[in-house]
Amino acid sequence: MDTPDEARTSRTERNRRMLESWRAGASITEIAREHGLSLSWTGRLLRQEGAVLPEIRQGVRRELDVPRIVREYESGSTIQSIADAHQASYGTIRRLLLRERVTIRPHGGQNALDRRKTGNTERHP
């Protein structure tokens, strides 16, 4: 376990590397993933280090191929796999599908659907 001084030094070094990545052109999303941090915390740490970031706002507007995403989901892809493929969050893809009036499958995939159809809610190990 790190001492408080070691932990502080580790955080300082991490923040310095994050700022270097930002200045080299990495996105906040990339930096957050690399360091296992949330987007909001990453932005806050970068601002504390002196980075000039876009103003804080609700999400980032970008174009997603909505018809393709709907087709992928309706063809059986999971929300997470679609999110990964389109470099978007799970929540963004789920909200997009709901906005497009796509019926969201229950958690558990086909097994959950089969149990609902047969009325069998038993769980087997």
N, C-alpha and C. Protein backbone atom coordinates (compact mmCIF):
# COMPACT_ATOMS: atom_id res chain seq x y z
N MET A 1 0.85 -1.18 0.00
CA MET A 1 0.00 0.00 0.00
C MET A 1 0.89 1.23 0.00
N ASP A 2 0.52 2.20 -0.82
CA ASP A 2 1.30 3.43 -0.92
C ASP A 2 1.14 4.29 0.33
N THR A 3 2.22 4.98 0.67
CA THR A 3 2.12 5.99 1.72
C THR A 3 1.40 7.18 1.12
N PRO A 4 0.91 8.10 1.95
CA PRO A 4 0.25 9.29 1.39
C PRO A 4 1.16 10.07 0.43
N ASP A 5 2.44 10.15 0.75
CA ASP A 5 3.36 10.88 -0.15
C ASP A 5 3.53 10.15 -1.47
N GLU A 6 3.63 8.82 -1.43
CA GLU A 6 3.76 8.05 -2.66
C GLU A 6 2.50 8.16 -3.52
N ALA A 7 1.34 8.11 -2.88
CA ALA A 7 0.08 8.24 -3.61
C ALA A 7 -0.03 9.61 -4.27
N ARG A 8 0.36 10.65 -3.55
CA ARG A 8 0.32 12.01 -4.10
C ARG A 8 1.26 12.13 -5.30
N THR A 9 2.45 11.58 -5.17
CA THR A 9 3.42 11.60 -6.27
C THR A 9 2.88 10.85 -7.48
N SER A 10 2.24 9.71 -7.24
CA SER A 10 1.66 8.91 -8.32
C SER A 10 0.56 9.70 -9.04
N ARG A 11 -0.31 10.37 -8.27
CA ARG A 11 -1.39 11.17 -8.88
C ARG A 11 -0.82 12.33 -9.66
N THR A 12 0.20 12.98 -9.12
CA THR A 12 0.82 14.11 -9.80
C THR A 12 1.41 13.67 -11.14
N GLU A 13 2.08 12.53 -11.13
CA GLU A 13 2.67 11.98 -12.36
C GLU A 13 1.58 11.61 -13.37
N ARG A 14 0.51 10.97 -12.88
CA ARG A 14 -0.61 10.62 -13.76
C ARG A 14 -1.19 11.87 -14.40
N ASN A 15 -1.42 12.91 -13.60
CA ASN A 15 -2.00 14.15 -14.12
C ASN A 15 -1.08 14.80 -15.15
N ARG A 16 0.24 14.72 -14.92
CA ARG A 16 1.19 15.28 -15.88
C ARG A 16 1.10 14.53 -17.21
N ARG A 17 1.02 13.19 -17.14
CA ARG A 17 0.90 12.38 -18.36
C ARG A 17 -0.42 12.68 -19.08
N MET A 18 -1.48 12.88 -18.30
CA MET A 18 -2.78 13.22 -18.91
C MET A 18 -2.68 14.53 -19.67
N LEU A 19 -2.05 15.53 -19.07
CA LEU A 19 -1.91 16.83 -19.72
C LEU A 19 -1.06 16.71 -20.98
N GLU A 20 0.01 15.92 -20.93
CA GLU A 20 0.83 15.70 -22.12
C GLU A 20 0.01 15.05 -23.23
N SER A 21 -0.82 14.09 -22.88
CA SER A 21 -1.68 13.44 -23.87
C SER A 21 -2.64 14.44 -24.48
N TRP A 22 -3.24 15.28 -23.65
CA TRP A 22 -4.17 16.31 -24.13
C TRP A 22 -3.47 17.24 -25.10
N ARG A 23 -2.29 17.70 -24.74
CA ARG A 23 -1.54 18.62 -25.60
C ARG A 23 -1.09 17.95 -26.89
N ALA A 24 -0.95 16.62 -26.86
CA ALA A 24 -0.56 15.87 -28.06
C ALA A 24 -1.76 15.56 -28.96
N GLY A 25 -2.95 15.95 -28.51
CA GLY A 25 -4.13 15.78 -29.36
C GLY A 25 -5.09 14.68 -28.97
N ALA A 26 -4.84 13.99 -27.87
CA ALA A 26 -5.76 12.93 -27.43
C ALA A 26 -7.07 13.56 -26.94
N SER A 27 -8.16 12.85 -27.13
CA SER A 27 -9.46 13.33 -26.65
C SER A 27 -9.60 13.05 -25.16
N ILE A 28 -10.51 13.74 -24.52
CA ILE A 28 -10.78 13.49 -23.10
C ILE A 28 -11.24 12.05 -22.92
N THR A 29 -12.05 11.55 -23.85
CA THR A 29 -12.53 10.18 -23.76
C THR A 29 -11.37 9.19 -23.78
N GLU A 30 -10.42 9.40 -24.69
CA GLU A 30 -9.26 8.52 -24.77
C GLU A 30 -8.43 8.57 -23.49
N ILE A 31 -8.23 9.77 -22.98
CA ILE A 31 -7.44 9.94 -21.76
C ILE A 31 -8.14 9.27 -20.58
N ALA A 32 -9.45 9.48 -20.48
CA ALA A 32 -10.21 8.88 -19.39
C ALA A 32 -10.12 7.36 -19.43
N ARG A 33 -10.28 6.78 -20.62
CA ARG A 33 -10.19 5.32 -20.74
C ARG A 33 -8.81 4.81 -20.35
N GLU A 34 -7.78 5.52 -20.83
CA GLU A 34 -6.41 5.09 -20.55
C GLU A 34 -6.11 5.04 -19.06
N HIS A 35 -6.70 5.98 -18.31
CA HIS A 35 -6.40 6.07 -16.88
C HIS A 35 -7.51 5.52 -16.00
N GLY A 36 -8.57 4.99 -16.61
CA GLY A 36 -9.66 4.40 -15.84
C GLY A 36 -10.44 5.41 -15.03
N LEU A 37 -10.64 6.62 -15.59
CA LEU A 37 -11.36 7.69 -14.90
C LEU A 37 -12.62 8.06 -15.66
N SER A 38 -13.56 8.72 -14.97
CA SER A 38 -14.75 9.21 -15.64
C SER A 38 -14.38 10.42 -16.49
N LEU A 39 -15.25 10.72 -17.45
CA LEU A 39 -15.02 11.89 -18.30
C LEU A 39 -15.01 13.18 -17.49
N SER A 40 -15.95 13.30 -16.57
CA SER A 40 -16.04 14.55 -15.80
C SER A 40 -14.81 14.73 -14.90
N TRP A 41 -14.34 13.65 -14.28
CA TRP A 41 -13.17 13.75 -13.41
C TRP A 41 -11.93 14.05 -14.24
N THR A 42 -11.81 13.42 -15.40
CA THR A 42 -10.67 13.67 -16.29
C THR A 42 -10.65 15.14 -16.70
N GLY A 43 -11.80 15.68 -17.09
CA GLY A 43 -11.87 17.09 -17.46
C GLY A 43 -11.48 17.99 -16.30
N ARG A 44 -11.96 17.66 -15.12
CA ARG A 44 -11.63 18.48 -13.94
C ARG A 44 -10.13 18.47 -13.66
N LEU A 45 -9.51 17.27 -13.73
CA LEU A 45 -8.07 17.18 -13.47
C LEU A 45 -7.28 17.94 -14.54
N LEU A 46 -7.69 17.83 -15.78
CA LEU A 46 -6.99 18.55 -16.85
C LEU A 46 -7.10 20.06 -16.66
N ARG A 47 -8.28 20.52 -16.28
CA ARG A 47 -8.45 21.97 -16.02
C ARG A 47 -7.55 22.41 -14.87
N GLN A 48 -7.46 21.58 -13.83
CA GLN A 48 -6.59 21.91 -12.69
C GLN A 48 -5.13 21.99 -13.11
N GLU A 49 -4.76 21.23 -14.13
CA GLU A 49 -3.39 21.23 -14.63
C GLU A 49 -3.14 22.36 -15.63
N GLY A 50 -4.20 23.14 -15.92
CA GLY A 50 -4.02 24.29 -16.81
C GLY A 50 -4.50 24.10 -18.23
N ALA A 51 -5.07 22.96 -18.55
CA ALA A 51 -5.58 22.74 -19.91
C ALA A 51 -6.80 23.62 -20.15
N VAL A 52 -6.87 24.17 -21.34
CA VAL A 52 -8.03 24.97 -21.73
C VAL A 52 -8.95 24.02 -22.50
N LEU A 53 -10.07 23.67 -21.90
CA LEU A 53 -11.01 22.73 -22.48
C LEU A 53 -12.27 23.45 -22.92
N PRO A 54 -13.05 22.83 -23.79
CA PRO A 54 -14.34 23.42 -24.15
C PRO A 54 -15.20 23.59 -22.90
N GLU A 55 -16.12 24.51 -22.96
CA GLU A 55 -16.99 24.74 -21.81
C GLU A 55 -17.74 23.46 -21.47
N ILE A 56 -18.08 23.32 -20.20
CA ILE A 56 -18.81 22.15 -19.74
C ILE A 56 -20.24 22.28 -20.25
N ARG A 57 -20.72 21.22 -20.87
CA ARG A 57 -22.08 21.22 -21.41
C ARG A 57 -22.63 19.81 -21.35
N GLN A 58 -23.88 19.68 -21.67
CA GLN A 58 -24.54 18.38 -21.64
C GLN A 58 -24.13 17.57 -22.87
N GLY A 59 -23.20 16.65 -22.68
CA GLY A 59 -22.81 15.75 -23.76
C GLY A 59 -22.07 16.45 -24.89
N VAL A 60 -21.67 15.67 -25.84
CA VAL A 60 -20.99 16.18 -27.02
C VAL A 60 -21.84 15.81 -28.22
N ARG A 61 -22.22 16.80 -28.98
CA ARG A 61 -23.03 16.55 -30.17
C ARG A 61 -22.15 15.96 -31.26
N ARG A 62 -22.62 14.88 -31.84
CA ARG A 62 -21.90 14.31 -32.96
C ARG A 62 -22.89 13.51 -33.79
N GLU A 63 -22.48 13.23 -34.98
CA GLU A 63 -23.36 12.51 -35.89
C GLU A 63 -23.15 11.00 -35.73
N LEU A 64 -24.23 10.29 -35.52
CA LEU A 64 -24.20 8.84 -35.48
C LEU A 64 -25.09 8.33 -36.61
N ASP A 65 -24.73 7.21 -37.19
CA ASP A 65 -25.50 6.61 -38.27
C ASP A 65 -26.70 5.88 -37.67
N VAL A 66 -27.77 6.63 -37.44
CA VAL A 66 -28.93 6.10 -36.72
C VAL A 66 -29.55 4.89 -37.42
N PRO A 67 -29.82 4.96 -38.73
CA PRO A 67 -30.42 3.77 -39.37
C PRO A 67 -29.54 2.52 -39.23
N ARG A 68 -28.23 2.70 -39.33
CA ARG A 68 -27.32 1.56 -39.19
C ARG A 68 -27.36 1.00 -37.78
N ILE A 69 -27.38 1.88 -36.78
CA ILE A 69 -27.42 1.44 -35.38
C ILE A 69 -28.70 0.67 -35.11
N VAL A 70 -29.83 1.16 -35.63
CA VAL A 70 -31.11 0.48 -35.44
C VAL A 70 -31.05 -0.90 -36.11
N ARG A 71 -30.52 -0.97 -37.34
CA ARG A 71 -30.41 -2.26 -38.04
C ARG A 71 -29.53 -3.23 -37.25
N GLU A 72 -28.40 -2.75 -36.73
CA GLU A 72 -27.51 -3.61 -35.98
C GLU A 72 -28.21 -4.18 -34.74
N TYR A 73 -28.95 -3.32 -34.03
CA TYR A 73 -29.63 -3.79 -32.83
C TYR A 73 -30.73 -4.78 -33.18
N GLU A 74 -31.50 -4.46 -34.22
CA GLU A 74 -32.60 -5.34 -34.62
C GLU A 74 -32.08 -6.66 -35.21
N SER A 75 -30.82 -6.68 -35.63
CA SER A 75 -30.20 -7.91 -36.15
C SER A 75 -29.62 -8.76 -35.02
N GLY A 76 -29.68 -8.27 -33.78
CA GLY A 76 -29.24 -9.06 -32.65
C GLY A 76 -28.01 -8.56 -31.92
N SER A 77 -27.36 -7.50 -32.42
CA SER A 77 -26.19 -6.96 -31.72
C SER A 77 -26.62 -6.39 -30.38
N THR A 78 -25.74 -6.45 -29.41
CA THR A 78 -26.05 -5.89 -28.09
C THR A 78 -25.81 -4.38 -28.11
N ILE A 79 -26.43 -3.70 -27.19
CA ILE A 79 -26.23 -2.26 -27.07
C ILE A 79 -24.76 -1.96 -26.82
N GLN A 80 -24.12 -2.76 -25.95
CA GLN A 80 -22.70 -2.51 -25.63
C GLN A 80 -21.81 -2.72 -26.85
N SER A 81 -22.07 -3.75 -27.64
CA SER A 81 -21.23 -3.98 -28.81
C SER A 81 -21.41 -2.87 -29.84
N ILE A 82 -22.62 -2.36 -29.97
CA ILE A 82 -22.89 -1.24 -30.88
C ILE A 82 -22.18 0.01 -30.36
N ALA A 83 -22.29 0.25 -29.06
CA ALA A 83 -21.63 1.42 -28.47
C ALA A 83 -20.12 1.37 -28.72
N ASP A 84 -19.53 0.20 -28.51
CA ASP A 84 -18.09 0.04 -28.73
C ASP A 84 -17.74 0.29 -30.19
N ALA A 85 -18.52 -0.26 -31.10
CA ALA A 85 -18.24 -0.13 -32.53
C ALA A 85 -18.36 1.32 -33.01
N HIS A 86 -19.25 2.08 -32.40
CA HIS A 86 -19.48 3.47 -32.83
C HIS A 86 -18.80 4.48 -31.91
N GLN A 87 -18.00 3.99 -30.99
CA GLN A 87 -17.29 4.83 -30.02
C GLN A 87 -18.24 5.80 -29.32
N ALA A 88 -19.29 5.21 -28.79
CA ALA A 88 -20.30 5.96 -28.04
C ALA A 88 -20.54 5.22 -26.73
N SER A 89 -21.24 5.87 -25.83
CA SER A 89 -21.54 5.22 -24.56
C SER A 89 -22.77 4.33 -24.71
N TYR A 90 -22.88 3.38 -23.79
CA TYR A 90 -24.05 2.52 -23.73
C TYR A 90 -25.32 3.37 -23.65
N GLY A 91 -25.29 4.37 -22.75
CA GLY A 91 -26.46 5.23 -22.54
C GLY A 91 -26.86 5.99 -23.79
N THR A 92 -25.88 6.47 -24.55
CA THR A 92 -26.18 7.21 -25.78
C THR A 92 -26.90 6.30 -26.78
N ILE A 93 -26.39 5.09 -26.95
CA ILE A 93 -27.01 4.16 -27.91
C ILE A 93 -28.39 3.76 -27.43
N ARG A 94 -28.54 3.49 -26.15
CA ARG A 94 -29.85 3.10 -25.62
C ARG A 94 -30.88 4.22 -25.81
N ARG A 95 -30.48 5.46 -25.48
CA ARG A 95 -31.39 6.60 -25.67
C ARG A 95 -31.76 6.77 -27.14
N LEU A 96 -30.79 6.60 -28.03
CA LEU A 96 -31.05 6.72 -29.46
C LEU A 96 -32.07 5.67 -29.89
N LEU A 97 -31.90 4.43 -29.45
CA LEU A 97 -32.84 3.37 -29.81
C LEU A 97 -34.24 3.66 -29.27
N LEU A 98 -34.31 4.12 -28.04
CA LEU A 98 -35.62 4.47 -27.46
C LEU A 98 -36.27 5.62 -28.22
N ARG A 99 -35.48 6.62 -28.58
CA ARG A 99 -36.00 7.76 -29.35
C ARG A 99 -36.55 7.30 -30.70
N GLU A 100 -35.93 6.26 -31.26
CA GLU A 100 -36.37 5.70 -32.54
C GLU A 100 -37.49 4.68 -32.37
N ARG A 101 -37.99 4.55 -31.16
CA ARG A 101 -39.08 3.65 -30.82
C ARG A 101 -38.76 2.17 -31.08
N VAL A 102 -37.50 1.80 -30.86
CA VAL A 102 -37.07 0.41 -30.98
C VAL A 102 -37.36 -0.28 -29.65
N THR A 103 -37.94 -1.47 -29.71
CA THR A 103 -38.22 -2.23 -28.50
C THR A 103 -36.90 -2.80 -27.98
N ILE A 104 -36.59 -2.45 -26.74
CA ILE A 104 -35.34 -2.90 -26.12
C ILE A 104 -35.54 -4.31 -25.57
N ARG A 105 -34.61 -5.19 -25.92
CA ARG A 105 -34.67 -6.57 -25.41
C ARG A 105 -34.36 -6.57 -23.91
N PRO A 106 -34.90 -7.55 -23.19
CA PRO A 106 -34.58 -7.64 -21.76
C PRO A 106 -33.14 -8.06 -21.56
N HIS A 107 -32.60 -7.74 -20.40
CA HIS A 107 -31.25 -8.21 -20.06
C HIS A 107 -31.26 -9.73 -20.06
N GLY A 108 -30.20 -10.32 -20.51
CA GLY A 108 -30.11 -11.78 -20.54
C GLY A 108 -30.28 -12.35 -21.93
N GLY A 109 -30.56 -11.49 -22.90
CA GLY A 109 -30.62 -11.91 -24.29
C GLY A 109 -31.70 -12.94 -24.58
N GLN A 110 -31.39 -13.87 -25.47
CA GLN A 110 -32.36 -14.84 -25.94
C GLN A 110 -32.87 -15.73 -24.82
N ASN A 111 -32.03 -16.07 -23.84
CA ASN A 111 -32.48 -16.91 -22.72
C ASN A 111 -33.62 -16.24 -21.96
N ALA A 112 -33.50 -14.93 -21.74
CA ALA A 112 -34.56 -14.21 -21.03
C ALA A 112 -35.84 -14.19 -21.86
N LEU A 113 -35.71 -14.02 -23.17
CA LEU A 113 -36.89 -14.02 -24.04
C LEU A 113 -37.58 -15.38 -24.01
N ASP A 114 -36.79 -16.46 -24.08
CA ASP A 114 -37.35 -17.81 -24.06
C ASP A 114 -38.10 -18.06 -22.76
N ARG A 115 -37.53 -17.63 -21.63
CA ARG A 115 -38.19 -17.83 -20.34
C ARG A 115 -39.50 -17.06 -20.27
N ARG A 116 -39.51 -15.85 -20.82
CA ARG A 116 -40.75 -15.06 -20.79
C ARG A 116 -41.84 -15.71 -21.62
N LYS A 117 -41.48 -16.23 -22.79
CA LYS A 117 -42.47 -16.85 -23.70
C LYS A 117 -43.10 -18.08 -23.08
N THR A 118 -42.28 -18.88 -22.39
CA THR A 118 -42.78 -20.13 -21.82
C THR A 118 -43.35 -19.94 -20.41
N GLY A 119 -43.11 -18.77 -19.84
CA GLY A 119 -43.57 -18.54 -18.49
C GLY A 119 -42.66 -19.17 -17.45
N ASN A 120 -41.56 -19.75 -17.89
CA ASN A 120 -40.63 -20.42 -17.00
C ASN A 120 -39.63 -19.39 -16.48
N THR A 121 -39.75 -19.07 -15.22
CA THR A 121 -38.83 -18.07 -14.63
C THR A 121 -37.81 -18.72 -13.72
N GLU A 122 -37.76 -20.09 -13.73
CA GLU A 122 -36.78 -20.79 -12.91
C GLU A 122 -35.38 -20.45 -13.39
N ARG A 123 -34.47 -20.39 -12.45
CA ARG A 123 -33.07 -20.18 -12.81
C ARG A 123 -32.32 -21.46 -12.58
N HIS A 124 -31.52 -21.82 -13.56
CA HIS A 124 -30.71 -23.03 -13.44
C HIS A 124 -29.26 -22.62 -13.31
N PRO A 125 -28.50 -23.28 -12.42
CA PRO A 125 -27.10 -22.93 -12.23
C PRO A 125 -26.25 -23.21 -13.45
